[in-house]
Amino acid sequence: MIKNICKHLLNRWKKNLWITLELLLVFCLTWYMVDYFFVLGYNKSLSSHRDLAHTYMVNIGSLPQNHEDYHAEDDEPAARYANYLRVINLLRDNPDVESVALASDYSALSALGALNEGRYRSVTDTTVVAETQVIRFVADEDYLKVFRHSKANGKTLVSTRDYDWNDPANILISRMMEEKLFPGESAYDKRIEAVDQPGVQYRVIDVLDDIKHFNYLRPYGVVYLPERLNETNLGGKIITIRSRDGLSEAQFMATFKKEMSTRLRVGNYYLGGLNSLAQMAEDTDYRAGKTNEIRMSTALLLFLLVNILLCVLGTFWYRVNVRRGEIGIRRAMGSDLVGIRKLFMLEGLLLLTIIVVPALLIEVQFIFSGVITTLGQDVKSYGSYLPDSMGLRFLITNILTWCILAVMVLLGIWYPTRQASRMSPVDALRD
């Protein structure tokens, strides 16, 4: 049957030329969209090895000097430090709070837009430099437990209290940093230093899983630098908490604000607000334009697929109608309805397959001209990922494109051939 279809297409090549060009155009356009969503979906499938669900940022305000309840004695460094510790203890004692953490800046709250970058190198081989995300946290509280960081590819959750922070040189790094600075070796007990602070060495006491700064990007290399809380470094600290898993966000926030608004009135401190970090992450995606970009691309893809279906449907409907006489002859010769539909469907799939080669040549030009980029590929992401293998990615996305268009072609052929094949052979021969 395939041989006969090929002969038939060759004999009608002039009439098939315009539909072939049409399929070529839509194949290239569809591939471009499929490539974008393939890389986006791949990046989102990579585990972030952290969890923002049930995490909140507690805003602690300080009364201004002109406030009627302001007390100057509570603004002394020692009093301010003692009151701050009381606030932390009150949060920790809340039965609905699982753990409390203190971060030094917003870069420690992944997915909120801020990114503190640094360049580090191994002390034994200073030629290898890794650009990385730097997270500064207060070791007195349980930063790692609040965000549920892990090691051994997510198999083991870790706690800040699992480690000895008495030595200020002790730090944690991520798996990606280990592979970059100590390829083929364990980073445990190895020493690294910041490029801009030569001579200031840090000792790696454990290696954690890589985390993602944004869900649609790849994991970053991370260096975790601990701090100890004291009277001089209270400014700028960010308090975060994790609630018990059984509580909904709305339920916890309403209860927390009601109960803690009065209790957290300590010295000149007061509860300024409570924000969901998961919601803040969504808002950050929206402000960065990524949410709108994905929505726009999704709408464009759906619009393209609908137009392809309508285009193919109209084209093959016309082809079937002008070949009513051929259908009548086949019916008169004993062909059944299923056989006729199968013939036209195979013909459509063969036309789609024929245009694959010229479509690949056009797509290659897209790649070499820089039109196709890899979402999330940056200097802080080391290691090998599937989208970086352009040959394999090219093969996968074209197979997906062919499958999508094959479904469109079959849908476009099925209905008109179903209608035409139900004609009486006498009526078809009369045409």
Protein backbone atom coordinates (compact mmCIF):
# COMPACT_ATOMS: atom_id res chain seq x y z
CA MET A 1 0.00 0.00 0.00
CA ILE A 2 2.82 2.43 0.86
CA LYS A 3 4.37 1.91 -2.56
CA ASN A 4 1.08 2.66 -4.31
CA ILE A 5 0.58 5.78 -2.16
CA CYS A 6 4.05 7.02 -3.09
CA LYS A 7 3.31 6.56 -6.79
CA HIS A 8 0.02 8.35 -6.39
CA LEU A 9 1.65 11.29 -4.60
CA LEU A 10 4.36 11.49 -7.25
CA ASN A 11 1.81 11.57 -10.06
CA ARG A 12 -0.05 14.39 -8.32
CA TRP A 13 3.05 16.29 -7.15
CA LYS A 14 1.88 19.65 -8.52
CA LYS A 15 -1.38 19.43 -6.58
CA ASN A 16 0.46 18.23 -3.46
CA LEU A 17 3.11 20.96 -3.59
CA TRP A 18 1.11 23.66 -1.87
CA ILE A 19 -0.03 21.43 1.02
CA THR A 20 3.56 20.24 1.42
CA LEU A 21 4.75 23.83 1.78
CA GLU A 22 1.95 24.46 4.24
CA LEU A 23 2.98 21.48 6.38
CA LEU A 24 6.62 22.59 6.21
CA LEU A 25 5.75 26.01 7.62
CA VAL A 26 3.59 24.74 10.46
CA PHE A 27 6.16 22.04 11.33
CA CYS A 28 8.89 24.66 11.88
CA LEU A 29 6.60 26.94 13.88
CA THR A 30 5.35 24.08 16.04
CA TRP A 31 8.89 22.84 16.66
CA TYR A 32 9.92 26.28 17.90
CA MET A 33 7.14 26.24 20.50
CA VAL A 34 7.70 22.61 21.43
CA ASP A 35 11.39 23.31 22.04
CA TYR A 36 10.55 26.16 24.42
CA PHE A 37 8.08 24.12 26.45
CA PHE A 38 10.34 21.06 26.44
CA VAL A 39 13.18 23.00 28.09
CA LEU A 40 10.80 24.79 30.45
CA GLY A 41 9.18 21.51 31.49
CA TYR A 42 12.56 19.85 31.91
CA ASN A 43 13.80 22.62 34.19
CA LYS A 44 10.66 22.52 36.30
CA SER A 45 10.97 18.73 36.64
CA LEU A 46 14.37 19.12 38.34
CA SER A 47 13.98 18.88 42.09
CA SER A 48 14.58 22.11 43.99
CA HIS A 49 15.49 20.20 47.19
CA ARG A 50 13.78 22.84 49.30
CA ASP A 51 10.18 23.41 50.28
CA LEU A 52 8.44 26.78 50.57
CA ALA A 53 5.08 25.30 51.52
CA HIS A 54 4.03 26.20 55.07
CA THR A 55 6.83 28.76 55.37
CA TYR A 56 6.28 32.37 56.34
CA MET A 57 8.23 35.58 56.85
CA VAL A 58 7.51 37.32 60.13
CA ASN A 59 7.86 41.10 59.91
CA ILE A 60 8.95 42.55 63.24
CA GLY A 61 8.63 46.32 63.41
CA SER A 62 10.22 48.79 65.83
CA LEU A 63 8.36 51.74 67.31
CA PRO A 64 9.61 55.18 66.21
CA GLN A 65 10.91 57.59 68.83
CA ASN A 66 7.86 59.83 68.55
CA HIS A 67 5.47 56.98 69.39
CA GLU A 68 3.70 57.28 72.73
CA ASP A 69 4.71 53.73 73.75
CA TYR A 70 8.36 54.14 72.80
CA HIS A 71 10.88 53.54 75.61
CA ALA A 72 14.40 54.86 75.16
CA GLU A 73 15.88 52.31 77.57
CA ASP A 74 14.64 49.47 75.32
CA ASP A 75 16.61 50.96 72.44
CA GLU A 76 19.96 50.34 74.11
CA PRO A 77 21.99 47.59 72.32
CA ALA A 78 21.85 45.13 75.23
CA ALA A 79 18.11 45.66 75.82
CA ARG A 80 17.33 45.51 72.12
CA TYR A 81 19.26 42.23 71.80
CA ALA A 82 17.52 40.71 74.83
CA ASN A 83 14.08 41.72 73.53
CA TYR A 84 14.91 40.31 70.11
CA LEU A 85 15.77 36.95 71.70
CA ARG A 86 12.47 37.06 73.58
CA VAL A 87 10.65 37.55 70.29
CA ILE A 88 12.43 34.52 68.80
CA ASN A 89 11.63 32.41 71.87
CA LEU A 90 7.96 33.39 71.72
CA LEU A 91 7.84 32.32 68.07
CA ARG A 92 9.57 29.04 68.88
CA ASP A 93 7.14 28.34 71.75
CA ASN A 94 4.08 28.76 69.55
CA PRO A 95 2.50 25.27 69.29
CA ASP A 96 1.66 25.82 65.61
CA VAL A 97 5.25 26.71 64.69
CA GLU A 98 7.52 23.79 63.81
CA SER A 99 10.81 25.70 63.52
CA VAL A 100 12.28 29.19 63.31
CA ALA A 101 15.09 30.55 61.12
CA LEU A 102 17.03 33.77 60.78
CA ALA A 103 18.43 34.83 57.42
CA SER A 104 20.91 37.63 56.86
CA ASP A 105 19.35 38.87 53.59
CA TYR A 106 16.66 38.06 51.07
CA SER A 107 19.01 35.94 48.95
CA ALA A 108 18.62 33.21 51.60
CA LEU A 109 14.91 33.04 50.76
CA SER A 110 15.14 31.28 47.41
CA ALA A 111 12.60 32.18 44.70
CA LEU A 112 12.10 35.75 45.95
CA GLY A 113 14.26 37.45 43.35
CA ALA A 114 17.32 38.45 45.40
CA LEU A 115 20.57 36.71 44.54
CA ASN A 116 23.86 37.13 46.39
CA GLU A 117 26.64 35.85 44.16
CA GLY A 118 30.24 34.98 44.93
CA ARG A 119 33.30 33.35 43.37
CA TYR A 120 35.11 30.61 45.25
CA ARG A 121 38.08 28.36 44.56
CA SER A 122 39.81 25.40 46.09
CA VAL A 123 42.83 26.21 48.24
CA THR A 124 44.79 23.34 46.67
CA ASP A 125 43.93 24.29 43.07
CA THR A 126 43.31 28.01 42.70
CA THR A 127 42.91 27.74 38.92
CA VAL A 128 39.42 26.28 39.27
CA VAL A 129 36.89 29.00 40.13
CA ALA A 130 33.16 28.48 40.66
CA GLU A 131 30.53 31.21 40.54
CA THR A 132 27.90 30.44 43.10
CA GLN A 133 24.98 31.65 45.14
CA VAL A 134 25.93 32.71 48.67
CA ILE A 135 23.41 32.14 51.46
CA ARG A 136 24.11 33.73 54.83
CA PHE A 137 22.06 32.41 57.73
CA VAL A 138 22.14 32.60 61.51
CA ALA A 139 23.40 29.32 62.92
CA ASP A 140 21.63 29.89 66.26
CA GLU A 141 18.29 28.93 64.65
CA ASP A 142 17.29 26.11 62.33
CA TYR A 143 17.47 27.59 58.83
CA LEU A 144 17.98 24.21 57.13
CA LYS A 145 14.97 22.65 58.84
CA VAL A 146 12.61 25.52 58.04
CA PHE A 147 13.23 25.15 54.30
CA ARG A 148 13.79 21.38 54.47
CA HIS A 149 17.17 21.23 52.81
CA SER A 150 18.50 17.76 52.14
CA LYS A 151 21.52 15.73 51.10
CA ALA A 152 22.09 12.46 49.24
CA ASN A 153 19.64 13.49 46.50
CA GLY A 154 16.79 14.26 48.84
CA LYS A 155 17.06 11.07 50.88
CA THR A 156 18.11 12.78 54.10
CA LEU A 157 16.64 15.98 55.52
CA VAL A 158 19.15 18.03 57.47
CA SER A 159 18.97 20.40 60.43
CA THR A 160 21.22 23.32 61.28
CA ARG A 161 21.69 21.68 64.67
CA ASP A 162 23.28 18.64 63.03
CA TYR A 163 26.55 20.57 62.68
CA ASP A 164 29.15 22.19 64.90
CA TRP A 165 29.29 25.94 64.31
CA ASN A 166 31.76 26.79 67.05
CA ASP A 167 34.46 27.13 64.43
CA PRO A 168 33.54 30.21 62.31
CA ALA A 169 35.39 28.69 59.35
CA ASN A 170 32.93 25.77 59.08
CA ILE A 171 30.63 26.04 56.07
CA LEU A 172 28.33 23.93 53.89
CA ILE A 173 28.39 23.71 50.11
CA SER A 174 26.10 22.14 47.53
CA ARG A 175 26.76 19.09 45.39
CA MET A 176 27.36 21.21 42.31
CA MET A 177 30.14 23.11 44.06
CA GLU A 178 31.76 19.86 45.12
CA GLU A 179 31.78 18.56 41.55
CA LYS A 180 33.20 21.83 40.24
CA LEU A 181 35.95 22.43 42.81
CA PHE A 182 36.79 18.81 43.70
CA PRO A 183 35.96 16.68 40.64
CA GLY A 184 35.87 12.99 41.49
CA GLU A 185 36.58 13.66 45.17
CA SER A 186 34.67 14.25 48.37
CA ALA A 187 34.66 17.87 49.54
CA TYR A 188 34.35 16.87 53.18
CA ASP A 189 37.05 18.54 55.31
CA LYS A 190 38.46 20.30 52.24
CA ARG A 191 39.18 24.04 52.30
CA ILE A 192 38.02 26.77 49.92
CA GLU A 193 38.39 30.54 49.80
CA ALA A 194 36.59 33.48 48.22
CA VAL A 195 38.40 34.90 45.19
CA ASP A 196 37.99 38.47 46.48
CA GLN A 197 39.22 37.47 49.97
CA PRO A 198 42.42 35.49 49.42
CA GLY A 199 43.76 33.98 52.60
CA VAL A 200 40.34 33.75 54.30
CA GLN A 201 39.77 30.01 54.25
CA TYR A 202 36.65 27.98 54.97
CA ARG A 203 36.35 24.30 55.90
CA VAL A 204 33.63 22.20 54.24
CA ILE A 205 31.82 20.15 56.87
CA ASP A 206 29.09 18.69 54.65
CA VAL A 207 27.67 18.71 51.11
CA LEU A 208 23.95 19.39 50.58
CA ASP A 209 21.74 18.96 47.55
CA ASP A 210 21.61 21.74 44.97
CA ILE A 211 18.65 24.12 45.15
CA LYS A 212 16.89 26.24 42.54
CA HIS A 213 16.53 29.99 42.83
CA PHE A 214 13.48 29.94 40.54
CA ASN A 215 11.32 26.94 39.66
CA TYR A 216 11.77 27.47 35.91
CA LEU A 217 15.58 27.64 36.15
CA ARG A 218 18.18 25.01 36.92
CA PRO A 219 19.78 24.33 40.29
CA TYR A 220 22.56 26.64 41.40
CA GLY A 221 25.78 25.95 43.21
CA VAL A 222 25.49 27.24 46.79
CA VAL A 223 27.85 28.19 49.60
CA TYR A 224 26.19 28.39 53.03
CA LEU A 225 27.95 30.88 55.32
CA PRO A 226 26.79 30.79 58.98
CA GLU A 227 26.69 33.75 61.36
CA ARG A 228 26.19 33.99 65.11
CA LEU A 229 23.65 36.48 66.42
CA ASN A 230 24.90 39.28 68.68
CA GLU A 231 24.09 42.84 69.69
CA THR A 232 25.81 44.38 66.67
CA ASN A 233 24.26 42.43 63.77
CA LEU A 234 20.51 42.52 64.47
CA GLY A 235 19.84 44.94 61.64
CA GLY A 236 18.51 43.47 58.43
CA LYS A 237 17.82 40.00 59.83
CA ILE A 238 14.82 38.22 58.33
CA ILE A 239 12.74 35.96 60.56
CA THR A 240 11.12 32.95 58.88
CA ILE A 241 9.06 30.16 60.38
CA ARG A 242 7.56 26.83 59.29
CA SER A 243 4.10 25.87 60.48
CA ARG A 244 2.88 22.38 61.18
CA ASP A 245 1.99 20.52 57.97
CA GLY A 246 -1.59 19.86 59.03
CA LEU A 247 -2.53 23.54 59.03
CA SER A 248 -3.78 25.33 55.94
CA GLU A 249 -2.18 28.64 55.04
CA ALA A 250 -5.32 30.67 55.72
CA GLN A 251 -5.97 28.90 59.01
CA PHE A 252 -2.43 29.36 60.31
CA MET A 253 -2.11 33.00 59.29
CA ALA A 254 -5.43 33.98 60.86
CA THR A 255 -4.65 32.17 64.13
CA PHE A 256 -1.08 33.43 64.28
CA LYS A 257 -1.99 37.08 63.81
CA LYS A 258 -4.77 36.86 66.37
CA GLU A 259 -2.65 35.20 69.06
CA MET A 260 0.76 36.76 68.47
CA SER A 261 -0.14 40.41 67.83
CA THR A 262 -0.25 41.05 71.57
CA ARG A 263 2.39 38.55 72.69
CA LEU A 264 5.06 39.91 70.32
CA ARG A 265 4.72 43.41 71.77
CA VAL A 266 8.14 43.22 73.46
CA GLY A 267 10.03 46.40 74.33
CA ASN A 268 9.83 48.54 71.21
CA TYR A 269 9.20 45.52 68.98
CA TYR A 270 5.79 44.59 67.58
CA LEU A 271 4.33 42.23 64.96
CA GLY A 272 4.38 44.13 61.68
CA GLY A 273 2.93 41.41 59.48
CA LEU A 274 3.04 37.81 58.29
CA ASN A 275 3.66 36.84 54.65
CA SER A 276 3.48 33.47 52.95
CA LEU A 277 6.79 32.72 51.23
CA ALA A 278 5.05 30.47 48.70
CA GLN A 279 2.77 33.35 47.71
CA MET A 280 5.71 35.76 47.65
CA ALA A 281 7.50 33.38 45.26
CA GLU A 282 4.49 33.40 42.91
CA ASP A 283 4.33 37.19 43.09
CA THR A 284 8.04 37.38 42.25
CA ASP A 285 7.53 35.22 39.15
CA TYR A 286 4.70 37.53 38.10
CA ARG A 287 6.71 40.73 38.65
CA ALA A 288 9.67 39.28 36.77
CA GLY A 289 7.38 38.70 33.79
CA LYS A 290 7.91 34.96 33.72
CA THR A 291 4.28 34.18 34.58
CA ASN A 292 3.01 36.36 31.73
CA GLU A 293 5.66 34.96 29.39
CA ILE A 294 4.56 31.39 30.07
CA ARG A 295 0.89 32.29 29.77
CA MET A 296 1.52 34.12 26.50
CA SER A 297 3.56 31.24 25.09
CA THR A 298 0.92 28.72 26.15
CA ALA A 299 -1.86 30.77 24.55
CA LEU A 300 0.22 31.15 21.39
CA LEU A 301 0.86 27.41 21.23
CA LEU A 302 -2.83 26.59 21.68
CA PHE A 303 -3.78 29.21 19.08
CA LEU A 304 -1.22 27.73 16.69
CA LEU A 305 -2.47 24.17 17.22
CA VAL A 306 -6.10 25.18 16.69
CA ASN A 307 -5.21 26.99 13.47
CA ILE A 308 -3.16 24.01 12.30
CA LEU A 309 -6.14 21.73 12.92
CA LEU A 310 -8.50 24.05 11.05
CA CYS A 311 -5.99 24.48 8.24
CA VAL A 312 -5.39 20.75 7.84
CA LEU A 313 -9.10 20.00 8.17
CA GLY A 314 -9.97 22.47 5.43
CA THR A 315 -7.16 21.31 3.18
CA PHE A 316 -7.96 17.62 3.38
CA TRP A 317 -11.67 18.27 3.20
CA TYR A 318 -11.03 19.95 -0.14
CA ARG A 319 -8.74 17.10 -1.25
CA VAL A 320 -11.40 14.52 -0.38
CA ASN A 321 -14.17 16.41 -2.15
CA VAL A 322 -12.22 16.74 -5.39
CA ARG A 323 -11.49 13.01 -5.24
CA ARG A 324 -15.07 11.86 -4.79
CA GLY A 325 -14.92 10.05 -8.09
CA GLU A 326 -11.84 8.13 -6.95
CA ILE A 327 -13.66 7.19 -3.73
CA GLY A 328 -16.65 5.99 -5.76
CA ILE A 329 -14.47 3.79 -7.95
CA ARG A 330 -12.76 2.31 -4.85
CA ARG A 331 -16.16 1.62 -3.29
CA ALA A 332 -17.39 0.06 -6.53
CA MET A 333 -14.26 -2.11 -6.62
CA GLY A 334 -15.02 -3.43 -3.14
CA SER A 335 -13.06 -1.18 -0.82
CA ASP A 336 -14.67 -0.83 2.61
CA LEU A 337 -15.03 2.36 4.65
CA VAL A 338 -12.14 1.51 6.98
CA GLY A 339 -9.81 0.82 4.07
CA ILE A 340 -10.58 4.16 2.40
CA ARG A 341 -10.03 6.11 5.63
CA LYS A 342 -6.78 4.21 6.24
CA LEU A 343 -5.57 5.04 2.73
CA PHE A 344 -6.14 8.77 3.12
CA MET A 345 -4.64 8.82 6.62
CA LEU A 346 -1.49 7.03 5.48
CA GLU A 347 -1.24 9.48 2.61
CA GLY A 348 -1.44 12.43 5.01
CA LEU A 349 1.16 10.94 7.37
CA LEU A 350 3.47 10.25 4.43
CA LEU A 351 3.19 13.88 3.29
CA LEU A 352 4.03 14.97 6.85
CA THR A 353 7.04 12.67 6.95
CA ILE A 354 8.33 13.89 3.58
CA ILE A 355 8.65 17.47 4.81
CA VAL A 356 10.68 16.44 7.90
CA VAL A 357 14.03 16.60 6.08
CA PRO A 358 13.66 20.16 4.72
CA ALA A 359 12.17 21.20 8.08
CA LEU A 360 15.27 19.89 9.88
CA LEU A 361 17.50 21.91 7.57
CA ILE A 362 15.53 25.08 8.36
CA GLU A 363 15.62 24.36 12.11
CA VAL A 364 19.38 23.90 12.01
CA GLN A 365 19.65 27.42 10.63
CA PHE A 366 17.55 28.64 13.58
CA ILE A 367 20.01 27.02 15.98
CA PHE A 368 23.18 28.36 14.35
CA SER A 369 21.71 31.85 14.07
CA GLY A 370 21.12 31.94 17.83
CA VAL A 371 17.33 32.12 17.62
CA ILE A 372 17.00 29.04 19.84
CA THR A 373 18.32 29.54 23.37
CA THR A 374 18.43 27.30 26.40
CA LEU A 375 16.28 28.60 29.25
CA GLY A 376 18.15 28.58 32.53
CA GLN A 377 21.62 27.97 31.14
CA ASP A 378 23.99 30.25 33.05
CA VAL A 379 27.44 30.33 34.61
CA LYS A 380 26.25 29.29 38.07
CA SER A 381 24.76 26.01 36.83
CA TYR A 382 27.41 23.36 36.36
CA GLY A 383 27.06 19.78 35.24
CA SER A 384 25.38 18.19 32.27
CA TYR A 385 21.69 18.55 31.50
CA LEU A 386 19.68 17.05 28.68
CA PRO A 387 18.85 20.38 26.94
CA ASP A 388 22.59 21.10 26.70
CA SER A 389 22.98 18.09 24.41
CA MET A 390 21.66 19.88 21.35
CA GLY A 391 21.66 16.76 19.18
CA LEU A 392 19.54 14.70 21.58
CA ARG A 393 17.30 17.67 22.36
CA PHE A 394 16.90 18.32 18.61
CA LEU A 395 15.87 14.70 18.06
CA ILE A 396 13.40 14.59 20.95
CA THR A 397 11.69 17.89 20.12
CA ASN A 398 11.30 16.96 16.45
CA ILE A 399 9.80 13.59 17.35
CA LEU A 400 7.36 15.37 19.66
CA THR A 401 6.56 17.87 16.90
CA TRP A 402 5.91 15.08 14.40
CA CYS A 403 3.62 13.31 16.88
CA ILE A 404 1.63 16.49 17.58
CA LEU A 405 1.19 17.26 13.89
CA ALA A 406 0.40 13.63 13.13
CA VAL A 407 -2.53 13.84 15.53
CA MET A 408 -3.63 17.09 13.86
CA VAL A 409 -3.39 15.50 10.40
CA LEU A 410 -5.32 12.40 11.44
CA LEU A 411 -8.06 14.52 13.02
CA GLY A 412 -8.16 16.68 9.90
CA ILE A 413 -8.50 13.65 7.63
CA TRP A 414 -10.78 11.46 9.72
CA TYR A 415 -13.98 13.52 9.57
CA PRO A 416 -14.11 14.46 5.86
CA THR A 417 -13.11 10.93 4.77
CA ARG A 418 -15.73 9.53 7.14
CA GLN A 419 -18.37 11.67 5.43
CA ALA A 420 -17.15 10.95 1.91
CA SER A 421 -16.70 7.21 2.41
CA ARG A 422 -20.35 6.91 3.46
CA MET A 423 -21.52 8.05 0.03
CA SER A 424 -23.26 5.59 -2.17
CA PRO A 425 -20.90 4.31 -4.92
CA VAL A 426 -23.49 5.32 -7.51
CA ASP A 427 -23.57 8.91 -6.24
CA ALA A 428 -19.76 9.08 -6.11
CA LEU A 429 -19.42 7.71 -9.67
CA ARG A 430 -21.94 10.27 -10.90
CA ASP A 431 -19.51 13.00 -9.74
